[in-house]
Structure formats: C-alpha cells, structure tokens
PDB file of N, CA and C in Angstrom:
ATOM      1  N   MET A   1      -8.493 -13.850  11.162  1.00  0.00           N
ATOM      2  CA  MET A   1      -7.714 -12.976  11.996  1.00  0.00           C
ATOM      3  C   MET A   1      -8.195 -13.055  13.430  1.00  0.00           C
ATOM      4  N   SER A   2      -7.247 -13.086  14.313  1.00  0.00           N
ATOM      5  CA  SER A   2      -7.580 -13.213  15.717  1.00  0.00           C
ATOM      6  C   SER A   2      -7.910 -11.848  16.316  1.00  0.00           C
ATOM      7  N   ALA A   3      -8.971 -11.812  17.094  1.00  0.00           N
ATOM      8  CA  ALA A   3      -9.406 -10.558  17.710  1.00  0.00           C
ATOM      9  C   ALA A   3      -8.420 -10.067  18.766  1.00  0.00           C
ATOM     10  N   ASN A   4      -7.548 -10.944  19.271  1.00  0.00           N
ATOM     11  CA  ASN A   4      -6.620 -10.508  20.304  1.00  0.00           C
ATOM     12  C   ASN A   4      -5.300  -9.985  19.728  1.00  0.00           C
ATOM     13  N   ARG A   5      -5.185  -9.948  18.407  1.00  0.00           N
ATOM     14  CA  ARG A   5      -3.996  -9.369  17.771  1.00  0.00           C
ATOM     15  C   ARG A   5      -4.111  -7.856  17.780  1.00  0.00           C
ATOM     16  N   PRO A   6      -2.999  -7.151  17.852  1.00  0.00           N
ATOM     17  CA  PRO A   6      -3.059  -5.690  17.786  1.00  0.00           C
ATOM     18  C   PRO A   6      -3.758  -5.228  16.498  1.00  0.00           C
ATOM     19  N   VAL A   7      -4.472  -4.121  16.609  1.00  0.00           N
ATOM     20  CA  VAL A   7      -5.243  -3.602  15.472  1.00  0.00           C
ATOM     21  C   VAL A   7      -4.343  -3.327  14.280  1.00  0.00           C
ATOM     22  N   TYR A   8      -3.156  -2.752  14.504  1.00  0.00           N
ATOM     23  CA  TYR A   8      -2.298  -2.432  13.364  1.00  0.00           C
ATOM     24  C   TYR A   8      -1.886  -3.692  12.596  1.00  0.00           C
ATOM     25  N   LEU A   9      -1.739  -4.811  13.300  1.00  0.00           N
ATOM     26  CA  LEU A   9      -1.399  -6.059  12.611  1.00  0.00           C
ATOM     27  C   LEU A   9      -2.593  -6.598  11.834  1.00  0.00           C
ATOM     28  N   ARG A  10      -3.787  -6.452  12.385  1.00  0.00           N
ATOM     29  CA  ARG A  10      -4.978  -6.880  11.651  1.00  0.00           C
ATOM     30  C   ARG A  10      -5.170  -6.036  10.396  1.00  0.00           C
ATOM     31  N   LEU A  11      -4.961  -4.731  10.519  1.00  0.00           N
ATOM     32  CA  LEU A  11      -5.059  -3.856   9.348  1.00  0.00           C
ATOM     33  C   LEU A  11      -3.985  -4.217   8.328  1.00  0.00           C
ATOM     34  N   ARG A  12      -2.790  -4.497   8.818  1.00  0.00           N
ATOM     35  CA  ARG A  12      -1.686  -4.886   7.942  1.00  0.00           C
ATOM     36  C   ARG A  12      -2.042  -6.165   7.194  1.00  0.00           C
ATOM     37  N   ASP A  13      -2.646  -7.125   7.885  1.00  0.00           N
ATOM     38  CA  ASP A  13      -3.050  -8.378   7.244  1.00  0.00           C
ATOM     39  C   ASP A  13      -4.090  -8.135   6.146  1.00  0.00           C
ATOM     40  N   GLU A  14      -5.010  -7.207   6.400  1.00  0.00           N
ATOM     41  CA  GLU A  14      -6.037  -6.897   5.398  1.00  0.00           C
ATOM     42  C   GLU A  14      -5.421  -6.269   4.151  1.00  0.00           C
ATOM     43  N   ILE A  15      -4.475  -5.364   4.346  1.00  0.00           N
ATOM     44  CA  ILE A  15      -3.809  -4.732   3.217  1.00  0.00           C
ATOM     45  C   ILE A  15      -2.970  -5.771   2.472  1.00  0.00           C
ATOM     46  N   CYS A  16      -2.295  -6.625   3.223  1.00  0.00           N
ATOM     47  CA  CYS A  16      -1.503  -7.706   2.628  1.00  0.00           C
ATOM     48  C   CYS A  16      -2.393  -8.581   1.746  1.00  0.00           C
ATOM     49  N   ALA A  17      -3.547  -8.967   2.259  1.00  0.00           N
ATOM     50  CA  ALA A  17      -4.479  -9.793   1.490  1.00  0.00           C
ATOM     51  C   ALA A  17      -4.934  -9.069   0.233  1.00  0.00           C
ATOM     52  N   ALA A  18      -5.173  -7.762   0.342  1.00  0.00           N
ATOM     53  CA  ALA A  18      -5.613  -6.987  -0.821  1.00  0.00           C
ATOM     54  C   ALA A  18      -4.520  -6.932  -1.884  1.00  0.00           C
ATOM     55  N   ILE A  19      -3.267  -6.838  -1.464  1.00  0.00           N
ATOM     56  CA  ILE A  19      -2.158  -6.850  -2.426  1.00  0.00           C
ATOM     57  C   ILE A  19      -2.058  -8.227  -3.065  1.00  0.00           C
ATOM     58  N   LEU A  20      -2.136  -9.281  -2.263  1.00  0.00           N
ATOM     59  CA  LEU A  20      -2.055 -10.648  -2.799  1.00  0.00           C
ATOM     60  C   LEU A  20      -3.214 -10.952  -3.746  1.00  0.00           C
ATOM     61  N   ASP A  21      -4.398 -10.421  -3.439  1.00  0.00           N
ATOM     62  CA  ASP A  21      -5.581 -10.663  -4.273  1.00  0.00           C
ATOM     63  C   ASP A  21      -5.632  -9.778  -5.513  1.00  0.00           C
ATOM     64  N   GLY A  22      -4.690  -8.850  -5.627  1.00  0.00           N
ATOM     65  CA  GLY A  22      -4.666  -7.974  -6.789  1.00  0.00           C
ATOM     66  C   GLY A  22      -5.567  -6.753  -6.683  1.00  0.00           C
ATOM     67  N   VAL A  23      -6.157  -6.537  -5.515  1.00  0.00           N
ATOM     68  CA  VAL A  23      -6.965  -5.324  -5.313  1.00  0.00           C
ATOM     69  C   VAL A  23      -6.058  -4.097  -5.458  1.00  0.00           C
ATOM     70  N   TYR A  24      -4.844  -4.212  -4.916  1.00  0.00           N
ATOM     71  CA  TYR A  24      -3.814  -3.185  -5.077  1.00  0.00           C
ATOM     72  C   TYR A  24      -2.635  -3.823  -5.810  1.00  0.00           C
ATOM     73  N   PRO A  25      -2.662  -3.801  -7.137  1.00  0.00           N
ATOM     74  CA  PRO A  25      -1.547  -4.391  -7.890  1.00  0.00           C
ATOM     75  C   PRO A  25      -0.292  -3.521  -7.774  1.00  0.00           C
ATOM     76  N   GLU A  26       0.818  -4.053  -8.220  1.00  0.00           N
ATOM     77  CA  GLU A  26       2.065  -3.300  -8.183  1.00  0.00           C
ATOM     78  C   GLU A  26       1.881  -1.992  -8.939  1.00  0.00           C
ATOM     79  N   GLY A  27       2.332  -0.914  -8.326  1.00  0.00           N
ATOM     80  CA  GLY A  27       2.195   0.411  -8.913  1.00  0.00           C
ATOM     81  C   GLY A  27       0.927   1.136  -8.496  1.00  0.00           C
ATOM     82  N   ALA A  28      -0.011   0.417  -7.890  1.00  0.00           N
ATOM     83  CA  ALA A  28      -1.278   1.037  -7.462  1.00  0.00           C
ATOM     84  C   ALA A  28      -1.058   1.872  -6.207  1.00  0.00           C
ATOM     85  N   MET A  29      -1.819   2.933  -6.117  1.00  0.00           N
ATOM     86  CA  MET A  29      -1.748   3.783  -4.937  1.00  0.00           C
ATOM     87  C   MET A  29      -2.652   3.203  -3.855  1.00  0.00           C
ATOM     88  N   LEU A  30      -2.106   3.104  -2.641  1.00  0.00           N
ATOM     89  CA  LEU A  30      -2.908   2.691  -1.488  1.00  0.00           C
ATOM     90  C   LEU A  30      -3.780   3.861  -1.061  1.00  0.00           C
ATOM     91  N   PRO A  31      -4.899   3.582  -0.393  1.00  0.00           N
ATOM     92  CA  PRO A  31      -5.704   4.678   0.147  1.00  0.00           C
ATOM     93  C   PRO A  31      -4.858   5.498   1.123  1.00  0.00           C
ATOM     94  N   SER A  32      -5.171   6.762   1.239  1.00  0.00           N
ATOM     95  CA  SER A  32      -4.454   7.590   2.213  1.00  0.00           C
ATOM     96  C   SER A  32      -4.683   7.021   3.619  1.00  0.00           C
ATOM     97  N   VAL A  33      -3.798   7.374   4.514  1.00  0.00           N
ATOM     98  CA  VAL A  33      -3.929   6.922   5.904  1.00  0.00           C
ATOM     99  C   VAL A  33      -5.293   7.322   6.454  1.00  0.00           C
ATOM    100  N   ARG A  34      -5.687   8.565   6.221  1.00  0.00           N
ATOM    101  CA  ARG A  34      -6.970   9.041   6.753  1.00  0.00           C
ATOM    102  C   ARG A  34      -8.145   8.314   6.125  1.00  0.00           C
ATOM    103  N   ALA A  35      -8.094   8.122   4.803  1.00  0.00           N
ATOM    104  CA  ALA A  35      -9.200   7.449   4.118  1.00  0.00           C
ATOM    105  C   ALA A  35      -9.329   6.002   4.585  1.00  0.00           C
ATOM    106  N   TYR A  36      -8.192   5.304   4.712  1.00  0.00           N
ATOM    107  CA  TYR A  36      -8.245   3.909   5.145  1.00  0.00           C
ATOM    108  C   TYR A  36      -8.711   3.814   6.596  1.00  0.00           C
ATOM    109  N   ALA A  37      -8.231   4.742   7.429  1.00  0.00           N
ATOM    110  CA  ALA A  37      -8.653   4.750   8.833  1.00  0.00           C
ATOM    111  C   ALA A  37     -10.167   4.957   8.925  1.00  0.00           C
ATOM    112  N   ALA A  38     -10.686   5.875   8.144  1.00  0.00           N
ATOM    113  CA  ALA A  38     -12.132   6.140   8.167  1.00  0.00           C
ATOM    114  C   ALA A  38     -12.918   4.919   7.698  1.00  0.00           C
ATOM    115  N   SER A  39     -12.426   4.252   6.662  1.00  0.00           N
ATOM    116  CA  SER A  39     -13.153   3.088   6.134  1.00  0.00           C
ATOM    117  C   SER A  39     -13.134   1.909   7.093  1.00  0.00           C
ATOM    118  N   GLN A  40     -12.128   1.861   7.959  1.00  0.00           N
ATOM    119  CA  GLN A  40     -11.988   0.746   8.900  1.00  0.00           C
ATOM    120  C   GLN A  40     -12.422   1.107  10.317  1.00  0.00           C
ATOM    121  N   GLY A  41     -12.773   2.352  10.527  1.00  0.00           N
ATOM    122  CA  GLY A  41     -13.126   2.792  11.877  1.00  0.00           C
ATOM    123  C   GLY A  41     -11.939   2.738  12.816  1.00  0.00           C
ATOM    124  N   ALA A  42     -10.759   3.013  12.278  1.00  0.00           N
ATOM    125  CA  ALA A  42      -9.526   2.914  13.060  1.00  0.00           C
ATOM    126  C   ALA A  42      -8.914   4.298  13.258  1.00  0.00           C
ATOM    127  N   ASN A  43      -8.018   4.381  14.197  1.00  0.00           N
ATOM    128  CA  ASN A  43      -7.267   5.599  14.447  1.00  0.00           C
ATOM    129  C   ASN A  43      -6.240   5.772  13.324  1.00  0.00           C
ATOM    130  N   PRO A  44      -6.099   6.968  12.751  1.00  0.00           N
ATOM    131  CA  PRO A  44      -5.105   7.182  11.699  1.00  0.00           C
ATOM    132  C   PRO A  44      -3.675   6.823  12.120  1.00  0.00           C
ATOM    133  N   LEU A  45      -3.339   7.007  13.386  1.00  0.00           N
ATOM    134  CA  LEU A  45      -1.993   6.647  13.845  1.00  0.00           C
ATOM    135  C   LEU A  45      -1.777   5.128  13.780  1.00  0.00           C
ATOM    136  N   THR A  46      -2.838   4.375  14.017  1.00  0.00           N
ATOM    137  CA  THR A  46      -2.753   2.917  13.930  1.00  0.00           C
ATOM    138  C   THR A  46      -2.536   2.489  12.483  1.00  0.00           C
ATOM    139  N   VAL A  47      -3.265   3.102  11.562  1.00  0.00           N
ATOM    140  CA  VAL A  47      -3.093   2.801  10.138  1.00  0.00           C
ATOM    141  C   VAL A  47      -1.687   3.202   9.700  1.00  0.00           C
ATOM    142  N   ALA A  48      -1.220   4.356  10.159  1.00  0.00           N
ATOM    143  CA  ALA A  48       0.127   4.811   9.805  1.00  0.00           C
ATOM    144  C   ALA A  48       1.177   3.798  10.264  1.00  0.00           C
ATOM    145  N   LYS A  49       0.958   3.183  11.411  1.00  0.00           N
ATOM    146  CA  LYS A  49       1.898   2.171  11.912  1.00  0.00           C
ATOM    147  C   LYS A  49       1.907   0.952  10.995  1.00  0.00           C
ATOM    148  N   ALA A  50       0.729   0.533  10.532  1.00  0.00           N
ATOM    149  CA  ALA A  50       0.645  -0.602   9.604  1.00  0.00           C
ATOM    150  C   ALA A  50       1.335  -0.244   8.293  1.00  0.00           C
ATOM    151  N   TYR A  51       1.063   0.939   7.764  1.00  0.00           N
ATOM    152  CA  TYR A  51       1.686   1.385   6.512  1.00  0.00           C
ATOM    153  C   TYR A  51       3.202   1.475   6.662  1.00  0.00           C
ATOM    154  N   GLN A  52       3.654   1.946   7.831  1.00  0.00           N
ATOM    155  CA  GLN A  52       5.092   2.089   8.053  1.00  0.00           C
ATOM    156  C   GLN A  52       5.799   0.748   7.963  1.00  0.00           C
ATOM    157  N   GLN A  53       5.148  -0.313   8.418  1.00  0.00           N
ATOM    158  CA  GLN A  53       5.755  -1.641   8.313  1.00  0.00           C
ATOM    159  C   GLN A  53       5.973  -2.017   6.851  1.00  0.00           C
ATOM    160  N   PHE A  54       4.972  -1.739   6.012  1.00  0.00           N
ATOM    161  CA  PHE A  54       5.131  -2.034   4.589  1.00  0.00           C
ATOM    162  C   PHE A  54       6.276  -1.220   4.002  1.00  0.00           C
ATOM    163  N   GLN A  55       6.382   0.028   4.408  1.00  0.00           N
ATOM    164  CA  GLN A  55       7.459   0.886   3.914  1.00  0.00           C
ATOM    165  C   GLN A  55       8.810   0.346   4.383  1.00  0.00           C
ATOM    166  N   ASP A  56       8.915  -0.027   5.656  1.00  0.00           N
ATOM    167  CA  ASP A  56      10.162  -0.556   6.210  1.00  0.00           C
ATOM    168  C   ASP A  56      10.591  -1.830   5.488  1.00  0.00           C
ATOM    169  N   GLU A  57       9.619  -2.615   5.028  1.00  0.00           N
ATOM    170  CA  GLU A  57       9.912  -3.866   4.343  1.00  0.00           C
ATOM    171  C   GLU A  57      10.138  -3.678   2.843  1.00  0.00           C
ATOM    172  N   GLY A  58      10.020  -2.453   2.364  1.00  0.00           N
ATOM    173  CA  GLY A  58      10.234  -2.180   0.950  1.00  0.00           C
ATOM    174  C   GLY A  58       9.085  -2.620   0.063  1.00  0.00           C
ATOM    175  N   LEU A  59       7.910  -2.826   0.650  1.00  0.00           N
ATOM    176  CA  LEU A  59       6.760  -3.300  -0.109  1.00  0.00           C
ATOM    177  C   LEU A  59       5.939  -2.157  -0.698  1.00  0.00           C
ATOM    178  N   VAL A  60       6.161  -0.964  -0.193  1.00  0.00           N
ATOM    179  CA  VAL A  60       5.512   0.224  -0.752  1.00  0.00           C
ATOM    180  C   VAL A  60       6.565   1.306  -0.920  1.00  0.00           C
ATOM    181  N   THR A  61       6.284   2.196  -1.857  1.00  0.00           N
ATOM    182  CA  THR A  61       7.128   3.367  -2.039  1.00  0.00           C
ATOM    183  C   THR A  61       6.295   4.599  -1.739  1.00  0.00           C
ATOM    184  N   VAL A  62       6.958   5.637  -1.279  1.00  0.00           N
ATOM    185  CA  VAL A  62       6.265   6.876  -0.923  1.00  0.00           C
ATOM    186  C   VAL A  62       6.678   7.964  -1.894  1.00  0.00           C
ATOM    187  N   GLN A  63       5.677   8.640  -2.417  1.00  0.00           N
ATOM    188  CA  GLN A  63       5.922   9.836  -3.215  1.00  0.00           C
ATOM    189  C   GLN A  63       5.350  10.994  -2.413  1.00  0.00           C
ATOM    190  N   ARG A  64       6.220  11.786  -1.840  1.00  0.00           N
ATOM    191  CA  ARG A  64       5.793  12.888  -0.957  1.00  0.00           C
ATOM    192  C   ARG A  64       4.753  13.762  -1.637  1.00  0.00           C
ATOM    193  N   GLY A  65       3.697  14.017  -0.890  1.00  0.00           N
ATOM    194  CA  GLY A  65       2.641  14.872  -1.390  1.00  0.00           C
ATOM    195  C   GLY A  65       1.666  14.173  -2.322  1.00  0.00           C
ATOM    196  N   ILE A  66       1.982  12.922  -2.687  1.00  0.00           N
ATOM    197  CA  ILE A  66       1.104  12.174  -3.597  1.00  0.00           C
ATOM    198  C   ILE A  66       0.494  10.976  -2.891  1.00  0.00           C
ATOM    199  N   GLY A  67       1.337  10.091  -2.348  1.00  0.00           N
ATOM    200  CA  GLY A  67       0.813   8.932  -1.640  1.00  0.00           C
ATOM    201  C   GLY A  67       1.780   7.767  -1.609  1.00  0.00           C
ATOM    202  N   MET A  68       1.248   6.629  -1.177  1.00  0.00           N
ATOM    203  CA  MET A  68       2.015   5.378  -1.100  1.00  0.00           C
ATOM    204  C   MET A  68       1.571   4.472  -2.232  1.00  0.00           C
ATOM    205  N   PHE A  69       2.552   3.803  -2.843  1.00  0.00           N
ATOM    206  CA  PHE A  69       2.293   2.942  -3.977  1.00  0.00           C
ATOM    207  C   PHE A  69       2.882   1.561  -3.713  1.00  0.00           C
ATOM    208  N   VAL A  70       2.202   0.537  -4.208  1.00  0.00           N
ATOM    209  CA  VAL A  70       2.707  -0.831  -4.075  1.00  0.00           C
ATOM    210  C   VAL A  70       3.972  -0.939  -4.920  1.00  0.00           C
ATOM    211  N   ALA A  71       5.036  -1.381  -4.295  1.00  0.00           N
ATOM    212  CA  ALA A  71       6.335  -1.449  -4.956  1.00  0.00           C
ATOM    213  C   ALA A  71       6.404  -2.617  -5.937  1.00  0.00           C
ATOM    214  N   PRO A  72       7.238  -2.490  -6.971  1.00  0.00           N
ATOM    215  CA  PRO A  72       7.464  -3.620  -7.871  1.00  0.00           C
ATOM    216  C   PRO A  72       7.987  -4.818  -7.080  1.00  0.00           C
ATOM    217  N   GLY A  73       7.448  -5.982  -7.333  1.00  0.00           N
ATOM    218  CA  GLY A  73       7.866  -7.205  -6.652  1.00  0.00           C
ATOM    219  C   GLY A  73       7.203  -7.434  -5.306  1.00  0.00           C
ATOM    220  N   ALA A  74       6.351  -6.495  -4.877  1.00  0.00           N
ATOM    221  CA  ALA A  74       5.733  -6.622  -3.555  1.00  0.00           C
ATOM    222  C   ALA A  74       4.836  -7.852  -3.464  1.00  0.00           C
ATOM    223  N   GLN A  75       4.043  -8.103  -4.497  1.00  0.00           N
ATOM    224  CA  GLN A  75       3.120  -9.234  -4.450  1.00  0.00           C
ATOM    225  C   GLN A  75       3.888 -10.551  -4.334  1.00  0.00           C
ATOM    226  N   ALA A  76       4.949 -10.706  -5.122  1.00  0.00           N
ATOM    227  CA  ALA A  76       5.748 -11.937  -5.066  1.00  0.00           C
ATOM    228  C   ALA A  76       6.432 -12.080  -3.709  1.00  0.00           C
ATOM    229  N   ALA A  77       6.961 -10.979  -3.176  1.00  0.00           N
ATOM    230  CA  ALA A  77       7.622 -11.029  -1.870  1.00  0.00           C
ATOM    231  C   ALA A  77       6.628 -11.396  -0.773  1.00  0.00           C
ATOM    232  N   LEU A  78       5.442 -10.794  -0.825  1.00  0.00           N
ATOM    233  CA  LEU A  78       4.417 -11.127   0.169  1.00  0.00           C
ATOM    234  C   LEU A  78       3.976 -12.574   0.039  1.00  0.00           C
ATOM    235  N   ARG A  79       3.794 -13.043  -1.186  1.00  0.00           N
ATOM    236  CA  ARG A  79       3.365 -14.423  -1.389  1.00  0.00           C
ATOM    237  C   ARG A  79       4.397 -15.391  -0.810  1.00  0.00           C
ATOM    238  N   THR A  80       5.660 -15.142  -1.076  1.00  0.00           N
ATOM    239  CA  THR A  80       6.722 -16.003  -0.546  1.00  0.00           C
ATOM    240  C   THR A  80       6.708 -16.009   0.976  1.00  0.00           C
ATOM    241  N   ARG A  81       6.622 -14.828   1.564  1.00  0.00           N
ATOM    242  CA  ARG A  81       6.617 -14.727   3.023  1.00  0.00           C
ATOM    243  C   ARG A  81       5.372 -15.353   3.635  1.00  0.00           C
ATOM    244  N   GLU A  82       4.212 -15.092   3.055  1.00  0.00           N
ATOM    245  CA  GLU A  82       2.969 -15.625   3.601  1.00  0.00           C
ATOM    246  C   GLU A  82       2.892 -17.148   3.455  1.00  0.00           C
ATOM    247  N   ARG A  83       3.415 -17.683   2.360  1.00  0.00           N
ATOM    248  CA  ARG A  83       3.468 -19.148   2.209  1.00  0.00           C
ATOM    249  C   ARG A  83       4.313 -19.760   3.317  1.00  0.00           C
ATOM    250  N   ALA A  84       5.493 -19.187   3.531  1.00  0.00           N
ATOM    251  CA  ALA A  84       6.391 -19.711   4.573  1.00  0.00           C
ATOM    252  C   ALA A  84       5.728 -19.624   5.944  1.00  0.00           C
ATOM    253  N   ALA A  85       5.064 -18.511   6.232  1.00  0.00           N
ATOM    254  CA  ALA A  85       4.388 -18.358   7.524  1.00  0.00           C
ATOM    255  C   ALA A  85       3.256 -19.371   7.660  1.00  0.00           C
ATOM    256  N   PHE A  86       2.494 -19.585   6.586  1.00  0.00           N
ATOM    257  CA  PHE A  86       1.402 -20.568   6.622  1.00  0.00           C
ATOM    258  C   PHE A  86       1.951 -21.962   6.929  1.00  0.00           C
ATOM    259  N   LEU A  87       2.996 -22.351   6.215  1.00  0.00           N
ATOM    260  CA  LEU A  87       3.553 -23.690   6.429  1.00  0.00           C
ATOM    261  C   LEU A  87       4.146 -23.857   7.823  1.00  0.00           C
ATOM    262  N   ARG A  88       4.713 -22.797   8.349  1.00  0.00           N
ATOM    263  CA  ARG A  88       5.344 -22.847   9.673  1.00  0.00           C
ATOM    264  C   ARG A  88       4.324 -22.740  10.804  1.00  0.00           C
ATOM    265  N   GLU A  89       3.332 -21.858  10.646  1.00  0.00           N
ATOM    266  CA  GLU A  89       2.445 -21.535  11.767  1.00  0.00           C
ATOM    267  C   GLU A  89       1.087 -22.216  11.714  1.00  0.00           C
ATOM    268  N   GLU A  90       0.524 -22.420  10.529  1.00  0.00           N
ATOM    269  CA  GLU A  90      -0.837 -22.937  10.428  1.00  0.00           C
ATOM    270  C   GLU A  90      -0.908 -24.392   9.968  1.00  0.00           C
ATOM    271  N   TRP A  91      -0.050 -24.776   9.045  1.00  0.00           N
ATOM    272  CA  TRP A  91      -0.144 -26.113   8.468  1.00  0.00           C
ATOM    273  C   TRP A  91       0.019 -27.233   9.490  1.00  0.00           C
ATOM    274  N   PRO A  92       0.925 -27.134  10.460  1.00  0.00           N
ATOM    275  CA  PRO A  92       1.056 -28.252  11.412  1.00  0.00           C
ATOM    276  C   PRO A  92      -0.270 -28.591  12.102  1.00  0.00           C
ATOM    277  N   ASP A  93      -1.047 -27.587  12.522  1.00  0.00           N
ATOM    278  CA  ASP A  93      -2.337 -27.852  13.164  1.00  0.00           C
ATOM    279  C   ASP A  93      -3.342 -28.443  12.178  1.00  0.00           C
ATOM    280  N   ILE A  94      -3.320 -27.937  10.956  1.00  0.00           N
ATOM    281  CA  ILE A  94      -4.227 -28.454   9.924  1.00  0.00           C
ATOM    282  C   ILE A  94      -3.880 -29.913   9.614  1.00  0.00           C
ATOM    283  N   ALA A  95      -2.591 -30.194   9.442  1.00  0.00           N
ATOM    284  CA  ALA A  95      -2.157 -31.557   9.132  1.00  0.00           C
ATOM    285  C   ALA A  95      -2.521 -32.518  10.271  1.00  0.00           C
ATOM    286  N   LEU A  96      -2.347 -32.080  11.501  1.00  0.00           N
ATOM    287  CA  LEU A  96      -2.706 -32.913  12.653  1.00  0.00           C
ATOM    288  C   LEU A  96      -4.198 -33.210  12.654  1.00  0.00           C
ATOM    289  N   ARG A  97      -5.001 -32.200  12.409  1.00  0.00           N
ATOM    290  CA  ARG A  97      -6.465 -32.396  12.388  1.00  0.00           C
ATOM    291  C   ARG A  97      -6.861 -33.329  11.245  1.00  0.00           C
ATOM    292  N   MET A  98      -6.218 -33.177  10.106  1.00  0.00           N
ATOM    293  CA  MET A  98      -6.504 -34.069   8.979  1.00  0.00           C
ATOM    294  C   MET A  98      -6.206 -35.521   9.344  1.00  0.00           C
ATOM    295  N   ARG A  99      -5.051 -35.743   9.984  1.00  0.00           N
ATOM    296  CA  ARG A  99      -4.709 -37.113  10.398  1.00  0.00           C
ATOM    297  C   ARG A  99      -5.742 -37.666  11.372  1.00  0.00           C
ATOM    298  N   ARG A 100      -6.152 -36.857  12.319  1.00  0.00           N
ATOM    299  CA  ARG A 100      -7.143 -37.299  13.302  1.00  0.00           C
ATOM    300  C   ARG A 100      -8.471 -37.655  12.649  1.00  0.00           C
ATOM    301  N   LEU A 101      -8.830 -36.933  11.592  1.00  0.00           N
ATOM    302  CA  LEU A 101     -10.101 -37.162  10.901  1.00  0.00           C
ATOM    303  C   LEU A 101      -9.975 -38.154   9.749  1.00  0.00           C
ATOM    304  N   GLY A 102      -8.763 -38.616   9.495  1.00  0.00           N
ATOM    305  CA  GLY A 102      -8.550 -39.569   8.410  1.00  0.00           C
ATOM    306  C   GLY A 102      -8.698 -38.945   7.028  1.00  0.00           C
ATOM    307  N   LEU A 103      -8.446 -37.655   6.924  1.00  0.00           N
ATOM    308  CA  LEU A 103      -8.544 -36.961   5.641  1.00  0.00           C
ATOM    309  C   LEU A 103      -7.217 -37.012   4.900  1.00  0.00           C
ATOM    310  N   THR A 104      -7.315 -37.096   3.597  1.00  0.00           N
ATOM    311  CA  THR A 104      -6.122 -37.065   2.750  1.00  0.00           C
ATOM    312  C   THR A 104      -6.152 -35.807   1.899  1.00  0.00           C
ATOM    313  N   LEU A 105      -5.029 -35.515   1.263  1.00  0.00           N
ATOM    314  CA  LEU A 105      -4.992 -34.380   0.346  1.00  0.00           C
ATOM    315  C   LEU A 105      -5.972 -34.583  -0.803  1.00  0.00           C
ATOM    316  N   ALA A 106      -6.146 -35.827  -1.207  1.00  0.00           N
ATOM    317  CA  ALA A 106      -7.116 -36.126  -2.266  1.00  0.00           C
ATOM    318  C   ALA A 106      -8.536 -35.771  -1.817  1.00  0.00           C
ATOM    319  N   ASP A 107      -8.850 -36.037  -0.552  1.00  0.00           N
ATOM    320  CA  ASP A 107     -10.161 -35.659  -0.019  1.00  0.00           C
ATOM    321  C   ASP A 107     -10.367 -34.147  -0.099  1.00  0.00           C
ATOM    322  N   LEU A 108      -9.337 -33.419   0.236  1.00  0.00           N
ATOM    323  CA  LEU A 108      -9.435 -31.959   0.181  1.00  0.00           C
ATOM    324  C   LEU A 108      -9.618 -31.483  -1.257  1.00  0.00           C
ATOM    325  N   ALA A 109      -8.833 -32.043  -2.163  1.00  0.00           N
ATOM    326  CA  ALA A 109      -8.925 -31.642  -3.570  1.00  0.00           C
ATOM    327  C   ALA A 109     -10.305 -31.953  -4.133  1.00  0.00           C
ATOM    328  N   GLU A 110     -10.863 -33.062  -3.713  1.00  0.00           N
ATOM    329  CA  GLU A 110     -12.185 -33.472  -4.190  1.00  0.00           C
ATOM    330  C   GLU A 110     -13.269 -32.503  -3.744  1.00  0.00           C
ATOM    331  N   ASN A 111     -13.086 -31.883  -2.578  1.00  0.00           N
ATOM    332  CA  ASN A 111     -14.095 -30.985  -2.016  1.00  0.00           C
ATOM    333  C   ASN A 111     -13.761 -29.512  -2.195  1.00  0.00           C
ATOM    334  N   ALA A 112     -12.696 -29.233  -2.924  1.00  0.00           N
ATOM    335  CA  ALA A 112     -12.278 -27.820  -3.100  1.00  0.00           C
ATOM    336  C   ALA A 112     -13.165 -27.089  -4.078  1.00  0.00           C
TER     337      ALA A 112
END
C-alpha cells in the first residue's frame, strides 16, 4: 500500500484483504467503526468512510443496532474486482520487469 493514498482507501484495502483471506468470511460481523478505528489508530469518521464504500458496493449489510456483516457473495465479487485491477494496474509493470530480467513464468513458479 502506498503511503500517499488516502487513509480511508488504505483501511479499505486492509478490510478487503481480510475478507479475501477469510478473516471475515461471508456472514461475519466486521469490527465496529470505533473498535476498528482504535485498532488502527485512525479517526472513526475515516473508518466510517471506508465502511460506507463497502456498503455502497453491496459487499456488507447493515443490521441497525447490531453491526455490519460481510454480504453473501462479497468474497467472490472482491476477488473478481481485485484480479481485474491487478491485471490492469500492476501486471504490466511486473511483466515489463520480468522481460528486462529475462524471467519466465516457469522461473516464478519454481521459486514460489
């Protein structure tokens, strides 16, 4: 994560990674805004902005007075979106560097 990205986007990326990694599986309750803000040393309004993006995208559901829960299908939707973003934004630079270094996919698989 880049340090020059807005904090709410960095927090959003961390939550996204936790959903993809299964830390918060579908149906799991996310930490409250205050609890997550405290654990990250962030302003609760910043965390609320990150959470709101997930809500706007349909990746979490809200149960008033209870909390936010990972929506059914959220992990698959995030995986699809993150794969597309990786291929569009990160892979071209990686592929270029591999060509410059004479690396092949087999080389990567061998060292994985």
